[in-house]
């Protein structure tokens, strides 16, 4: 036993969170670009949209794959419960991500307006569906899902579609649309740039409305979140910083500082994920069901013994140690690849003979 072993579950909790946060920040903007894709009608503009994300979209999804792999390796019980309970939702998400990829690659393979129109719709619809499904999953994790004494999901598909979870999905789609709109403002110029900036303003306003409703709803409908905020004062600092970053985005857009607006958008997503992690730790999945002999007068999601936590769902110390070595080697490689790709394809997007 090494001195690091007691901290391994927490280290992996943080690492899994970092990987999924990386996915949200990176794939979030190209999901947003997809959601905005049908808003333009000129063929040149649609091609510019696709080429703005063309060099990076597949690399962005690596973060989702590595995050899922890390969750499976570190917390297999959580992986099993989530992927079995959310099975149909994840199948829909998988199909949405597949159709996005196919749409990007197939759109320009045949010179037909009907062909391109079909794949344009497929690309945009699948991007919106994927964004909403990701948010619905997060909303369910925040408010808890029905688990039994074996920590298995005992609900159905429609149990996942509570009003709060659905609104979380809508808020996530609005966030990604804003993120994508700001990214497009960075990558376009001329007429399209002005069009995109106009859209970016609209998406910011929509997200701001969803953001404040979401925060109020979360505090009112989830007592365990209020308990965490009271017990962990540093979460209030994170929350205030997040609000300030979100409010800074329209200011930067107004002053035409698109890069800073994009950085603030990334920062707001980072702090949102940090708040999510703080309200969950050390739990990974809240159970909305409890044992019959549990004191329901003192019931809170955070204290439910049927919750999946970093301790009762973890792998062995040996597995966590070995996987940590792989992560220490692999994560810098993924980071280096990501930085190189974004550096190589920096600047405004141009159309060439080999463009989409």
Foldseek 3Di string as FASTA:
>chain_A
DDPCLVCLLVVLLVVLLVLVLLLCLQLLQLLLLLQCLVVDDDPVLNLLSLLLCVLPNVLSCVSVVVSLVSCCLWFVLCNVQCCVQCVVLVVLLVVLVVLLVCLSVCLPVDPDPVSNVVSSVSNNVSSLSNQLSVQLSLQCQLQFAAADLVRHGDDHNCSSVDPLSNLSSVLSSLLSNLLNLLSQCQAADDPVNVVSLVSNVVSLVVNVVSVVVNVVCSVVVAVLLVVLCVVPVVLVVLVVLLVVLSVCLVVCSVVVVSVSSNVSSSVSSVSVSVSSSSSAPQFDGFHPDADPPDDPVPDHSNPGPSTHGSPVRTDDSVSSVVVVVVCVVPVVVSVVVNVVSCVVPGYHDDDDPPGD
